[in-house]
Amino acid sequence: MMDASIDAITNNIQLALAPVFLLTAVATLLNAISTRLARSVDRMRSILQKIQEGHITDEPTLNRMQIEATEAKRRGRLCTVAIFFDVLSGIFISLTVLELFFFQAGAVRSLQTSFVIWTFVLGLMSFMTSLSIILGELVYAYYSAGWYVAPRK
């Protein structure tokens, strides 16, 4: 009988902690997106500072810098939206962990088990949305990087 209760306890802990590994992925993605956002903001500020100082008089260069500042702003917006969905994912996954813990501990019987399913599914969907937005930001960053600048004559 003692072994059965130890097995049950082990199973309950495993069930409640399995989504925690997804939280690690959420935190890692949040760190990566935050770094990308910081770089976009720093780049935009640097460009705007150069424009405002008035040292650039070459019209084509000034136009290119304004375009690049706009692109950095768009990339920052994409990162911000991705952070929103990543944090939302973390909230849903955390709710899933709490629900599983309380269900397994027997503390809550009035809640429906479908809540666990919904919070987990919503957490995964939010995580996938964040990943999709970051993929879009990466593609946008690649195409806005100026790889195809015409050579000077």
N, C-alpha and C. Protein backbone atom coordinates (compact mmCIF):
# COMPACT_ATOMS: atom_id res chain seq x y z
N MET A 1 0.82 -1.19 0.00
CA MET A 1 0.00 0.00 0.00
C MET A 1 0.86 1.25 0.00
N MET A 2 1.99 1.21 0.69
CA MET A 2 2.89 2.35 0.75
C MET A 2 3.46 2.67 -0.62
N ASP A 3 3.79 1.62 -1.39
CA ASP A 3 4.33 1.84 -2.72
C ASP A 3 3.32 2.49 -3.64
N ALA A 4 2.06 2.10 -3.52
CA ALA A 4 1.01 2.68 -4.36
C ALA A 4 0.86 4.17 -4.09
N SER A 5 0.93 4.55 -2.83
CA SER A 5 0.78 5.98 -2.53
C SER A 5 2.00 6.76 -3.01
N ILE A 6 3.18 6.16 -2.91
CA ILE A 6 4.39 6.83 -3.42
C ILE A 6 4.29 6.96 -4.94
N ASP A 7 3.82 5.91 -5.61
CA ASP A 7 3.63 5.98 -7.06
C ASP A 7 2.60 7.04 -7.43
N ALA A 8 1.52 7.10 -6.65
CA ALA A 8 0.49 8.11 -6.92
C ALA A 8 1.03 9.52 -6.72
N ILE A 9 1.79 9.71 -5.66
CA ILE A 9 2.38 11.02 -5.40
C ILE A 9 3.35 11.39 -6.52
N THR A 10 4.19 10.45 -6.92
CA THR A 10 5.14 10.69 -8.00
C THR A 10 4.41 11.04 -9.29
N ASN A 11 3.36 10.29 -9.59
CA ASN A 11 2.57 10.55 -10.79
C ASN A 11 1.92 11.93 -10.73
N ASN A 12 1.41 12.31 -9.58
CA ASN A 12 0.77 13.63 -9.44
C ASN A 12 1.77 14.75 -9.62
N ILE A 13 2.95 14.57 -9.07
CA ILE A 13 3.99 15.60 -9.22
C ILE A 13 4.41 15.71 -10.68
N GLN A 14 4.59 14.58 -11.35
CA GLN A 14 4.96 14.60 -12.76
C GLN A 14 3.88 15.27 -13.60
N LEU A 15 2.63 14.97 -13.32
CA LEU A 15 1.52 15.54 -14.06
C LEU A 15 1.47 17.06 -13.89
N ALA A 16 1.69 17.52 -12.67
CA ALA A 16 1.61 18.95 -12.40
C ALA A 16 2.83 19.71 -12.91
N LEU A 17 3.98 19.05 -12.97
CA LEU A 17 5.20 19.76 -13.36
C LEU A 17 5.54 19.65 -14.84
N ALA A 18 4.89 18.78 -15.57
CA ALA A 18 5.20 18.65 -16.99
C ALA A 18 5.06 19.97 -17.74
N PRO A 19 4.01 20.77 -17.51
CA PRO A 19 3.91 22.06 -18.22
C PRO A 19 4.99 23.06 -17.81
N VAL A 20 5.67 22.82 -16.69
CA VAL A 20 6.72 23.75 -16.25
C VAL A 20 7.86 23.77 -17.27
N PHE A 21 8.08 22.66 -17.95
CA PHE A 21 9.11 22.66 -18.98
C PHE A 21 8.76 23.60 -20.12
N LEU A 22 7.47 23.71 -20.41
CA LEU A 22 7.03 24.68 -21.41
C LEU A 22 7.28 26.11 -20.91
N LEU A 23 7.15 26.33 -19.62
CA LEU A 23 7.45 27.66 -19.05
C LEU A 23 8.91 28.03 -19.27
N THR A 24 9.79 27.05 -19.25
CA THR A 24 11.21 27.31 -19.53
C THR A 24 11.37 27.81 -20.96
N ALA A 25 10.66 27.19 -21.89
CA ALA A 25 10.70 27.65 -23.28
C ALA A 25 10.12 29.06 -23.41
N VAL A 26 9.05 29.33 -22.67
CA VAL A 26 8.44 30.66 -22.70
C VAL A 26 9.45 31.70 -22.21
N ALA A 27 10.12 31.40 -21.10
CA ALA A 27 11.10 32.34 -20.54
C ALA A 27 12.28 32.55 -21.49
N THR A 28 12.73 31.49 -22.14
CA THR A 28 13.84 31.60 -23.08
C THR A 28 13.45 32.45 -24.28
N LEU A 29 12.25 32.23 -24.79
CA LEU A 29 11.77 33.03 -25.91
C LEU A 29 11.59 34.49 -25.51
N LEU A 30 11.09 34.72 -24.32
CA LEU A 30 10.91 36.08 -23.82
C LEU A 30 12.25 36.81 -23.76
N ASN A 31 13.28 36.13 -23.31
CA ASN A 31 14.62 36.71 -23.26
C ASN A 31 15.12 37.06 -24.67
N ALA A 32 14.93 36.15 -25.61
CA ALA A 32 15.38 36.39 -26.98
C ALA A 32 14.63 37.56 -27.62
N ILE A 33 13.32 37.60 -27.42
CA ILE A 33 12.52 38.69 -28.02
C ILE A 33 12.90 40.03 -27.38
N SER A 34 13.08 40.03 -26.08
CA SER A 34 13.46 41.28 -25.39
C SER A 34 14.78 41.81 -25.91
N THR A 35 15.71 40.92 -26.19
CA THR A 35 17.00 41.33 -26.76
C THR A 35 16.82 41.93 -28.14
N ARG A 36 15.98 41.31 -28.96
CA ARG A 36 15.71 41.85 -30.30
C ARG A 36 15.03 43.22 -30.21
N LEU A 37 14.09 43.35 -29.27
CA LEU A 37 13.41 44.63 -29.09
C LEU A 37 14.40 45.71 -28.66
N ALA A 38 15.27 45.38 -27.73
CA ALA A 38 16.25 46.36 -27.27
C ALA A 38 17.17 46.80 -28.40
N ARG A 39 17.58 45.87 -29.23
CA ARG A 39 18.45 46.23 -30.37
C ARG A 39 17.72 47.11 -31.37
N SER A 40 16.44 46.83 -31.62
CA SER A 40 15.67 47.67 -32.55
C SER A 40 15.50 49.08 -32.00
N VAL A 41 15.19 49.17 -30.71
CA VAL A 41 15.02 50.48 -30.09
C VAL A 41 16.33 51.26 -30.11
N ASP A 42 17.42 50.60 -29.77
CA ASP A 42 18.73 51.27 -29.79
C ASP A 42 19.09 51.76 -31.19
N ARG A 43 18.81 50.93 -32.19
CA ARG A 43 19.12 51.31 -33.57
C ARG A 43 18.25 52.49 -34.00
N MET A 44 16.97 52.46 -33.66
CA MET A 44 16.08 53.56 -34.02
C MET A 44 16.53 54.86 -33.36
N ARG A 45 16.89 54.79 -32.09
CA ARG A 45 17.35 55.99 -31.38
C ARG A 45 18.64 56.54 -31.99
N SER A 46 19.53 55.64 -32.36
CA SER A 46 20.80 56.06 -32.96
C SER A 46 20.56 56.77 -34.29
N ILE A 47 19.70 56.22 -35.09
CA ILE A 47 19.39 56.83 -36.39
C ILE A 47 18.72 58.18 -36.21
N LEU A 48 17.73 58.23 -35.33
CA LEU A 48 17.02 59.50 -35.10
C LEU A 48 17.94 60.58 -34.55
N GLN A 49 18.87 60.17 -33.69
CA GLN A 49 19.83 61.14 -33.15
C GLN A 49 20.71 61.71 -34.27
N LYS A 50 21.18 60.86 -35.17
CA LYS A 50 22.00 61.33 -36.29
C LYS A 50 21.19 62.26 -37.20
N ILE A 51 19.94 61.93 -37.41
CA ILE A 51 19.09 62.79 -38.25
C ILE A 51 18.87 64.14 -37.58
N GLN A 52 18.56 64.14 -36.28
CA GLN A 52 18.26 65.37 -35.57
C GLN A 52 19.48 66.27 -35.40
N GLU A 53 20.67 65.69 -35.35
CA GLU A 53 21.88 66.50 -35.21
C GLU A 53 22.13 67.35 -36.45
N GLY A 54 21.60 66.91 -37.59
CA GLY A 54 21.71 67.70 -38.82
C GLY A 54 23.03 67.58 -39.54
N HIS A 55 23.86 66.63 -39.17
CA HIS A 55 25.15 66.48 -39.82
C HIS A 55 25.04 65.80 -41.19
N ILE A 56 23.93 65.16 -41.43
CA ILE A 56 23.75 64.46 -42.70
C ILE A 56 23.03 65.39 -43.66
N THR A 57 23.70 65.76 -44.71
CA THR A 57 23.13 66.67 -45.70
C THR A 57 22.81 65.97 -47.01
N ASP A 58 23.35 64.80 -47.18
CA ASP A 58 23.10 64.03 -48.40
C ASP A 58 21.66 63.52 -48.37
N GLU A 59 20.85 63.97 -49.32
CA GLU A 59 19.42 63.64 -49.34
C GLU A 59 19.15 62.14 -49.46
N PRO A 60 19.82 61.41 -50.35
CA PRO A 60 19.55 59.95 -50.43
C PRO A 60 19.91 59.22 -49.12
N THR A 61 20.99 59.63 -48.48
CA THR A 61 21.38 59.01 -47.21
C THR A 61 20.36 59.33 -46.13
N LEU A 62 19.90 60.57 -46.09
CA LEU A 62 18.90 60.97 -45.12
C LEU A 62 17.59 60.20 -45.33
N ASN A 63 17.18 60.04 -46.58
CA ASN A 63 15.96 59.27 -46.87
C ASN A 63 16.12 57.82 -46.44
N ARG A 64 17.28 57.24 -46.72
CA ARG A 64 17.53 55.84 -46.34
C ARG A 64 17.50 55.69 -44.82
N MET A 65 18.05 56.65 -44.11
CA MET A 65 18.07 56.59 -42.65
C MET A 65 16.66 56.71 -42.08
N GLN A 66 15.82 57.54 -42.69
CA GLN A 66 14.44 57.65 -42.24
C GLN A 66 13.67 56.36 -42.50
N ILE A 67 13.93 55.73 -43.63
CA ILE A 67 13.31 54.44 -43.92
C ILE A 67 13.76 53.40 -42.91
N GLU A 68 15.05 53.38 -42.60
CA GLU A 68 15.58 52.42 -41.64
C GLU A 68 15.00 52.65 -40.24
N ALA A 69 14.82 53.91 -39.87
CA ALA A 69 14.20 54.21 -38.57
C ALA A 69 12.76 53.70 -38.52
N THR A 70 12.03 53.86 -39.61
CA THR A 70 10.66 53.36 -39.69
C THR A 70 10.64 51.84 -39.61
N GLU A 71 11.58 51.21 -40.28
CA GLU A 71 11.66 49.74 -40.23
C GLU A 71 11.98 49.25 -38.82
N ALA A 72 12.89 49.94 -38.13
CA ALA A 72 13.22 49.57 -36.76
C ALA A 72 12.00 49.73 -35.85
N LYS A 73 11.21 50.77 -36.10
CA LYS A 73 9.99 50.98 -35.32
C LYS A 73 8.99 49.84 -35.55
N ARG A 74 8.82 49.43 -36.80
CA ARG A 74 7.91 48.30 -37.10
C ARG A 74 8.40 47.01 -36.44
N ARG A 75 9.70 46.79 -36.52
CA ARG A 75 10.26 45.59 -35.89
C ARG A 75 10.04 45.63 -34.38
N GLY A 76 10.16 46.80 -33.79
CA GLY A 76 9.91 46.94 -32.36
C GLY A 76 8.47 46.63 -32.01
N ARG A 77 7.55 47.07 -32.86
CA ARG A 77 6.13 46.77 -32.64
C ARG A 77 5.86 45.27 -32.72
N LEU A 78 6.46 44.63 -33.71
CA LEU A 78 6.30 43.18 -33.84
C LEU A 78 6.84 42.45 -32.60
N CYS A 79 7.99 42.88 -32.13
CA CYS A 79 8.57 42.27 -30.92
C CYS A 79 7.66 42.49 -29.71
N THR A 80 7.10 43.67 -29.61
CA THR A 80 6.21 43.97 -28.48
C THR A 80 4.97 43.08 -28.50
N VAL A 81 4.39 42.89 -29.68
CA VAL A 81 3.22 42.01 -29.79
C VAL A 81 3.62 40.57 -29.48
N ALA A 82 4.78 40.15 -29.94
CA ALA A 82 5.26 38.79 -29.65
C ALA A 82 5.48 38.60 -28.15
N ILE A 83 6.00 39.63 -27.49
CA ILE A 83 6.19 39.56 -26.03
C ILE A 83 4.84 39.42 -25.34
N PHE A 84 3.85 40.17 -25.81
CA PHE A 84 2.51 40.07 -25.24
C PHE A 84 2.00 38.63 -25.29
N PHE A 85 2.09 38.00 -26.45
CA PHE A 85 1.59 36.63 -26.58
C PHE A 85 2.44 35.63 -25.81
N ASP A 86 3.74 35.89 -25.71
CA ASP A 86 4.60 35.00 -24.94
C ASP A 86 4.27 35.08 -23.45
N VAL A 87 4.05 36.28 -22.94
CA VAL A 87 3.66 36.44 -21.54
C VAL A 87 2.28 35.83 -21.30
N LEU A 88 1.36 36.05 -22.23
CA LEU A 88 0.03 35.45 -22.12
C LEU A 88 0.15 33.92 -22.07
N SER A 89 1.03 33.37 -22.88
CA SER A 89 1.28 31.93 -22.84
C SER A 89 1.77 31.50 -21.47
N GLY A 90 2.70 32.25 -20.91
CA GLY A 90 3.21 31.93 -19.57
C GLY A 90 2.11 31.96 -18.52
N ILE A 91 1.20 32.91 -18.64
CA ILE A 91 0.08 32.99 -17.69
C ILE A 91 -0.81 31.77 -17.80
N PHE A 92 -1.17 31.41 -19.03
CA PHE A 92 -2.03 30.24 -19.23
C PHE A 92 -1.36 28.94 -18.76
N ILE A 93 -0.08 28.80 -19.05
CA ILE A 93 0.63 27.59 -18.62
C ILE A 93 0.73 27.56 -17.10
N SER A 94 0.98 28.70 -16.49
CA SER A 94 1.03 28.76 -15.02
C SER A 94 -0.32 28.40 -14.41
N LEU A 95 -1.39 28.87 -15.03
CA LEU A 95 -2.73 28.48 -14.56
C LEU A 95 -2.94 26.97 -14.69
N THR A 96 -2.45 26.41 -15.77
CA THR A 96 -2.55 24.96 -15.95
C THR A 96 -1.84 24.22 -14.83
N VAL A 97 -0.63 24.67 -14.50
CA VAL A 97 0.13 24.04 -13.42
C VAL A 97 -0.63 24.14 -12.10
N LEU A 98 -1.16 25.32 -11.81
CA LEU A 98 -1.92 25.50 -10.57
C LEU A 98 -3.17 24.61 -10.55
N GLU A 99 -3.88 24.58 -11.66
CA GLU A 99 -5.09 23.75 -11.72
C GLU A 99 -4.76 22.28 -11.50
N LEU A 100 -3.72 21.81 -12.19
CA LEU A 100 -3.33 20.40 -12.03
C LEU A 100 -2.92 20.11 -10.59
N PHE A 101 -2.18 21.03 -10.00
CA PHE A 101 -1.75 20.83 -8.62
C PHE A 101 -2.95 20.75 -7.68
N PHE A 102 -3.87 21.70 -7.82
CA PHE A 102 -5.04 21.71 -6.93
C PHE A 102 -5.96 20.51 -7.18
N PHE A 103 -6.12 20.11 -8.44
CA PHE A 103 -6.93 18.93 -8.73
C PHE A 103 -6.30 17.68 -8.11
N GLN A 104 -5.01 17.54 -8.30
CA GLN A 104 -4.34 16.34 -7.80
C GLN A 104 -4.29 16.31 -6.28
N ALA A 105 -4.21 17.48 -5.68
CA ALA A 105 -4.17 17.55 -4.22
C ALA A 105 -5.57 17.37 -3.62
N GLY A 106 -6.58 17.45 -4.44
CA GLY A 106 -7.95 17.29 -3.96
C GLY A 106 -8.51 18.54 -3.33
N ALA A 107 -7.82 19.66 -3.50
CA ALA A 107 -8.25 20.91 -2.87
C ALA A 107 -9.44 21.52 -3.59
N VAL A 108 -9.55 21.28 -4.88
CA VAL A 108 -10.63 21.89 -5.66
C VAL A 108 -11.33 20.79 -6.44
N ARG A 109 -12.60 20.65 -6.18
CA ARG A 109 -13.40 19.67 -6.92
C ARG A 109 -14.50 20.36 -7.72
N SER A 110 -14.76 21.63 -7.41
CA SER A 110 -15.87 22.31 -8.06
C SER A 110 -15.53 22.77 -9.48
N LEU A 111 -14.24 22.96 -9.77
CA LEU A 111 -13.85 23.38 -11.11
C LEU A 111 -13.94 22.20 -12.08
N GLN A 112 -14.21 22.49 -13.31
CA GLN A 112 -14.29 21.45 -14.31
C GLN A 112 -12.89 21.12 -14.83
N THR A 113 -12.69 19.88 -15.16
CA THR A 113 -11.38 19.49 -15.71
C THR A 113 -11.15 20.11 -17.09
N SER A 114 -12.20 20.56 -17.74
CA SER A 114 -12.02 21.19 -19.05
C SER A 114 -11.22 22.50 -18.93
N PHE A 115 -11.21 23.12 -17.75
CA PHE A 115 -10.39 24.32 -17.55
C PHE A 115 -8.92 24.01 -17.78
N VAL A 116 -8.47 22.86 -17.31
CA VAL A 116 -7.08 22.46 -17.49
C VAL A 116 -6.77 22.34 -18.98
N ILE A 117 -7.68 21.72 -19.69
CA ILE A 117 -7.47 21.54 -21.13
C ILE A 117 -7.44 22.90 -21.82
N TRP A 118 -8.39 23.76 -21.50
CA TRP A 118 -8.47 25.07 -22.16
C TRP A 118 -7.27 25.95 -21.83
N THR A 119 -6.85 26.00 -20.58
CA THR A 119 -5.70 26.86 -20.26
C THR A 119 -4.43 26.34 -20.93
N PHE A 120 -4.29 25.01 -21.00
CA PHE A 120 -3.10 24.46 -21.66
C PHE A 120 -3.13 24.73 -23.16
N VAL A 121 -4.29 24.52 -23.79
CA VAL A 121 -4.42 24.77 -25.23
C VAL A 121 -4.22 26.25 -25.53
N LEU A 122 -4.82 27.12 -24.74
CA LEU A 122 -4.64 28.57 -24.95
C LEU A 122 -3.18 28.97 -24.75
N GLY A 123 -2.52 28.34 -23.79
CA GLY A 123 -1.10 28.60 -23.58
C GLY A 123 -0.26 28.21 -24.78
N LEU A 124 -0.54 27.04 -25.33
CA LEU A 124 0.18 26.59 -26.52
C LEU A 124 -0.12 27.48 -27.72
N MET A 125 -1.38 27.86 -27.88
CA MET A 125 -1.75 28.72 -29.00
C MET A 125 -1.08 30.09 -28.89
N SER A 126 -1.03 30.64 -27.68
CA SER A 126 -0.36 31.92 -27.48
C SER A 126 1.13 31.80 -27.77
N PHE A 127 1.72 30.68 -27.35
CA PHE A 127 3.14 30.45 -27.61
C PHE A 127 3.41 30.34 -29.11
N MET A 128 2.56 29.61 -29.81
CA MET A 128 2.73 29.48 -31.26
C MET A 128 2.50 30.81 -31.97
N THR A 129 1.58 31.61 -31.46
CA THR A 129 1.35 32.94 -32.04
C THR A 129 2.59 33.80 -31.87
N SER A 130 3.18 33.76 -30.69
CA SER A 130 4.41 34.51 -30.44
C SER A 130 5.53 34.06 -31.37
N LEU A 131 5.68 32.74 -31.53
CA LEU A 131 6.70 32.21 -32.44
C LEU A 131 6.45 32.67 -33.88
N SER A 132 5.19 32.68 -34.29
CA SER A 132 4.85 33.09 -35.65
C SER A 132 5.17 34.57 -35.88
N ILE A 133 4.88 35.39 -34.89
CA ILE A 133 5.18 36.82 -35.01
C ILE A 133 6.68 37.04 -35.08
N ILE A 134 7.42 36.32 -34.27
CA ILE A 134 8.89 36.45 -34.30
C ILE A 134 9.44 35.98 -35.64
N LEU A 135 8.86 34.93 -36.19
CA LEU A 135 9.28 34.49 -37.52
C LEU A 135 9.05 35.61 -38.53
N GLY A 136 7.89 36.25 -38.46
CA GLY A 136 7.61 37.38 -39.34
C GLY A 136 8.59 38.52 -39.14
N GLU A 137 8.93 38.80 -37.89
CA GLU A 137 9.90 39.87 -37.59
C GLU A 137 11.28 39.52 -38.15
N LEU A 138 11.67 38.27 -38.05
CA LEU A 138 12.97 37.84 -38.58
C LEU A 138 13.02 37.99 -40.10
N VAL A 139 11.96 37.60 -40.77
CA VAL A 139 11.90 37.73 -42.23
C VAL A 139 11.93 39.21 -42.60
N TYR A 140 11.15 40.02 -41.89
CA TYR A 140 11.12 41.46 -42.15
C TYR A 140 12.51 42.07 -41.90
N ALA A 141 13.17 41.65 -40.83
CA ALA A 141 14.51 42.16 -40.53
C ALA A 141 15.49 41.80 -41.64
N TYR A 142 15.38 40.59 -42.15
CA TYR A 142 16.28 40.17 -43.23
C TYR A 142 16.08 41.03 -44.47
N TYR A 143 14.82 41.22 -44.86
CA TYR A 143 14.56 41.99 -46.08
C TYR A 143 14.80 43.48 -45.90
N SER A 144 14.74 43.97 -44.69
CA SER A 144 14.98 45.40 -44.48
C SER A 144 16.44 45.70 -44.16
N ALA A 145 17.28 44.68 -44.16
CA ALA A 145 18.68 44.87 -43.76
C ALA A 145 19.51 45.57 -44.82
N GLY A 146 18.99 45.74 -46.01
CA GLY A 146 19.75 46.46 -47.04
C GLY A 146 20.78 45.59 -47.73
N TRP A 147 20.49 44.33 -47.92
CA TRP A 147 21.43 43.43 -48.58
C TRP A 147 21.62 43.81 -50.05
N TYR A 148 20.63 44.48 -50.60
CA TYR A 148 20.67 44.75 -52.03
C TYR A 148 20.86 46.23 -52.31
N VAL A 149 21.80 46.84 -51.63
CA VAL A 149 22.08 48.26 -51.83
C VAL A 149 22.85 48.41 -53.15
N ALA A 150 22.40 49.35 -53.95
CA ALA A 150 23.06 49.57 -55.24
C ALA A 150 24.47 50.12 -55.01
N PRO A 151 25.43 49.63 -55.77
CA PRO A 151 26.81 50.13 -55.60
C PRO A 151 26.92 51.59 -56.04
N ARG A 152 27.86 52.29 -55.41
CA ARG A 152 28.10 53.69 -55.77
C ARG A 152 28.82 53.78 -57.09
N LYS A 153 28.51 54.83 -57.81
CA LYS A 153 29.14 55.02 -59.13
C LYS A 153 30.31 55.95 -59.03
